[in-house]
Structures are given as C-alpha cells and as structure tokens.
Amino acid sequence: MTCFVSITRLRIRSFRFMPAFALQTVSTLRQVKQADGFLEGSLLPDRQWTFWTMTVWRDAAAMRAYMTAGPHRTAMPKLMEWCDEASVVHWEQEDVEAPSWLVADRRMRAEGRPSKVRRPSGGHLTLDYREPRVSRAAPIMARQPPAGDRGTLSTRPGS
C-alpha cells in the first residue's frame, strides 16, 4: 500500500508566541487524530522552541483535506508571524509505517522547502538548522474506529 508522508519543522521566534502556539497545537492534534485518511504520526519538540510533525496519510488528498479545514487552517496564517523558520517536505512511500526521524531530517534537508515567514532567521531559506534531538518524540495515534469497523492496518509510534 502506498502512503503519503508529510514532515513539518517550525521554530517559534519568541517565547511570547508559545502559549497561543500550544493552544493551537492541542486543537490541531485533536483534529488530526480524527481526520479521514490519517494513519499515524509523531510530534517532536526540539531545541530552541522548534517543533517537528510527522504524519502518514492514506494519500495526498487526505492530507490536503486536513490541512485546509478546521483548526489547522486557522493556525497556518498565524505561523507566518510566530515563526522565524518553517519548512515542509512530502513524499510517497510503499511502507505505511512512519519513517525514522533521521530519515525525516535527511529528506527535509535534501527535498524540503521553506515556508513563508514574515521575519526569517539567517538559516531559514537554506534550511540550515541543527540536527534534531529525537529523544523527546511522541506518537500521534489515529482515533480507533468502533470495534466492528477495525481494519487490519496497524499503527506504531514514529521512531
């Protein structure tokens, strides 16, 4: 089964934006867990107010439907002001298991693109950032369907 992987990296430029960012994160996590086509994911709080997300989707259309609706759609324009670094990378893969954070970092550096921010850091456009500290990664698990509706696809936390 082919699936679609989405990786984002955001660095919040000032602590004053952290409370609002944290509230938006809670809302978007609730949304993604219930999104049609979401298979599994991981959230990685990194150094210096940097946050990574990894989500694995049934297909690109499912990811776009999530991204353009609800709390995620509300949060996206705010990130242009809150962040001084933001980047994204997407790819399709045969394996439905989430890739490792090492693979995500390599793909971000090789194939990722910077997102628009109003006050970019010096390394924003070139994706010049420190290697992520992956020890704090936490799984994002899809909401389980009702017992009679469960398929055979298993999920595992991102590594």
Protein backbone atom coordinates (compact mmCIF):
# COMPACT_ATOMS: atom_id res chain seq x y z
CA MET A 1 0.00 0.00 0.00
CA THR A 2 1.38 3.40 -0.98
CA CYS A 3 1.01 6.18 1.57
CA PHE A 4 1.81 9.89 1.77
CA VAL A 5 4.27 11.28 4.34
CA SER A 6 4.27 14.91 5.48
CA ILE A 7 7.03 16.43 7.64
CA THR A 8 6.93 19.97 9.01
CA ARG A 9 9.50 21.88 11.04
CA LEU A 10 8.61 25.12 12.81
CA ARG A 11 10.71 27.33 15.05
CA ILE A 12 8.79 29.82 17.19
CA ARG A 13 10.70 33.10 17.12
CA SER A 14 9.75 34.37 20.58
CA PHE A 15 8.54 32.85 23.82
CA ARG A 16 5.62 35.30 23.80
CA PHE A 17 4.02 33.23 21.00
CA MET A 18 4.34 29.91 22.87
CA PRO A 19 1.03 29.99 24.80
CA ALA A 20 -1.02 30.63 21.64
CA PHE A 21 1.05 28.08 19.71
CA ALA A 22 0.47 25.48 22.44
CA LEU A 23 -3.30 26.03 22.34
CA GLN A 24 -3.34 25.73 18.54
CA THR A 25 -1.25 22.56 18.78
CA VAL A 26 -3.78 20.92 21.10
CA SER A 27 -6.60 21.77 18.68
CA THR A 28 -4.77 20.55 15.58
CA LEU A 29 -3.70 17.32 17.33
CA ARG A 30 -7.33 16.62 18.20
CA GLN A 31 -8.25 17.33 14.57
CA VAL A 32 -5.55 15.11 13.02
CA LYS A 33 -6.39 12.12 15.22
CA GLN A 34 -9.91 12.14 13.79
CA ALA A 35 -9.02 13.08 10.20
CA ASP A 36 -10.11 10.73 7.45
CA GLY A 37 -7.04 9.08 5.95
CA PHE A 38 -4.66 9.78 8.85
CA LEU A 39 -2.71 6.60 9.63
CA GLU A 40 -0.13 7.60 12.25
CA GLY A 41 2.36 10.27 13.17
CA SER A 42 4.75 11.76 15.65
CA LEU A 43 5.36 15.12 17.30
CA LEU A 44 8.93 16.11 18.11
CA PRO A 45 9.59 19.05 20.45
CA ASP A 46 13.20 20.01 19.68
CA ARG A 47 15.61 22.67 20.95
CA GLN A 48 15.04 26.44 20.91
CA TRP A 49 11.23 26.32 20.54
CA THR A 50 11.47 24.15 17.44
CA PHE A 51 8.72 21.63 16.71
CA TRP A 52 8.55 18.89 14.09
CA THR A 53 5.49 16.95 12.98
CA MET A 54 5.43 13.74 11.00
CA THR A 55 2.14 12.49 9.64
CA VAL A 56 1.43 9.47 7.45
CA TRP A 57 -1.69 9.57 5.28
CA ARG A 58 -3.65 7.26 3.02
CA ASP A 59 -2.92 9.74 0.20
CA ALA A 60 -2.10 13.39 -0.55
CA ALA A 61 -5.78 14.29 -0.91
CA ALA A 62 -6.48 13.19 2.68
CA MET A 63 -3.61 15.33 3.96
CA ARG A 64 -4.78 18.36 1.96
CA ALA A 65 -8.34 17.95 3.27
CA TYR A 66 -7.00 18.03 6.85
CA MET A 67 -4.64 20.93 6.15
CA THR A 68 -7.31 23.17 4.64
CA ALA A 69 -10.01 22.66 7.28
CA GLY A 70 -10.71 23.33 10.93
CA PRO A 71 -8.05 24.27 13.49
CA HIS A 72 -5.15 23.57 11.13
CA ARG A 73 -6.45 26.05 8.58
CA THR A 74 -6.90 28.63 11.37
CA ALA A 75 -3.33 28.10 12.64
CA MET A 76 -1.46 28.28 9.33
CA PRO A 77 -1.61 32.08 8.76
CA LYS A 78 -0.56 32.73 12.37
CA LEU A 79 2.63 30.75 11.86
CA MET A 80 3.91 33.36 9.40
CA GLU A 81 4.09 35.80 12.33
CA TRP A 82 5.01 33.33 15.09
CA CYS A 83 7.87 31.54 13.29
CA ASP A 84 11.28 32.61 12.06
CA GLU A 85 11.86 29.20 10.46
CA ALA A 86 9.31 26.92 8.83
CA SER A 87 9.77 24.16 6.29
CA VAL A 88 7.93 21.20 4.82
CA VAL A 89 8.69 18.07 2.83
CA HIS A 90 6.31 15.46 1.40
CA TRP A 91 6.83 12.12 -0.31
CA GLU A 92 5.08 8.90 -1.17
CA GLN A 93 6.36 5.57 0.10
CA GLU A 94 5.31 1.94 -0.10
CA ASP A 95 5.71 1.26 3.63
CA VAL A 96 2.78 2.52 5.74
CA GLU A 97 4.97 2.75 8.83
CA ALA A 98 6.28 6.18 9.70
CA PRO A 99 9.92 6.75 8.77
CA SER A 100 12.54 7.41 11.43
CA TRP A 101 13.31 10.98 12.46
CA LEU A 102 16.77 10.53 10.93
CA VAL A 103 15.14 9.84 7.54
CA ALA A 104 12.76 12.77 8.03
CA ASP A 105 15.68 15.11 8.75
CA ARG A 106 17.64 13.88 5.70
CA ARG A 107 14.62 14.30 3.42
CA MET A 108 13.90 17.78 4.82
CA ARG A 109 17.45 18.92 4.08
CA ALA A 110 17.56 17.32 0.60
CA GLU A 111 14.00 17.87 -0.68
CA GLY A 112 12.29 20.24 1.75
CA ARG A 113 11.22 23.77 1.01
CA PRO A 114 10.98 26.78 3.30
CA SER A 115 7.51 28.09 4.07
CA LYS A 116 6.69 31.77 4.14
CA VAL A 117 7.51 33.62 7.37
CA ARG A 118 7.49 37.38 7.96
CA ARG A 119 10.73 37.56 9.96
CA PRO A 120 13.01 34.77 8.72
CA SER A 121 16.20 33.75 10.50
CA GLY A 122 19.51 33.70 8.65
CA GLY A 123 19.20 29.95 8.03
CA HIS A 124 15.54 29.88 7.01
CA LEU A 125 15.88 29.86 3.22
CA THR A 126 18.79 27.39 3.17
CA LEU A 127 17.27 25.06 5.80
CA ASP A 128 20.41 25.49 7.86
CA TYR A 129 19.47 24.10 11.28
CA ARG A 130 20.90 21.79 13.93
CA GLU A 131 20.25 18.07 13.73
CA PRO A 132 17.05 17.35 15.66
CA ARG A 133 17.21 15.85 19.13
CA VAL A 134 14.85 12.90 18.65
CA SER A 135 14.68 11.54 22.21
CA ARG A 136 11.52 13.51 23.03
CA ALA A 137 9.38 12.32 20.10
CA ALA A 138 5.83 11.31 21.00
CA PRO A 139 3.44 9.25 18.87
CA ILE A 140 0.25 10.63 17.38
CA MET A 141 -2.19 7.76 17.09
CA ALA A 142 -5.30 7.83 14.96
CA ARG A 143 -8.60 7.57 16.81
CA GLN A 144 -9.62 3.92 16.82
CA PRO A 145 -12.76 3.14 14.82
CA PRO A 146 -15.63 1.29 16.54
CA ALA A 147 -14.80 -2.37 17.31
CA GLY A 148 -16.84 -3.79 14.41
CA ASP A 149 -15.22 -1.39 11.94
CA ARG A 150 -11.49 -2.05 12.54
CA GLY A 151 -9.31 -2.94 9.58
CA THR A 152 -6.07 -4.88 9.61
CA LEU A 153 -3.73 -1.88 9.33
CA SER A 154 -1.67 -1.50 12.47
CA THR A 155 0.00 1.71 13.59
CA ARG A 156 3.21 2.20 15.51
CA PRO A 157 4.71 5.33 17.03
CA GLY A 158 7.18 7.25 14.83
CA SER A 159 10.75 6.35 15.69
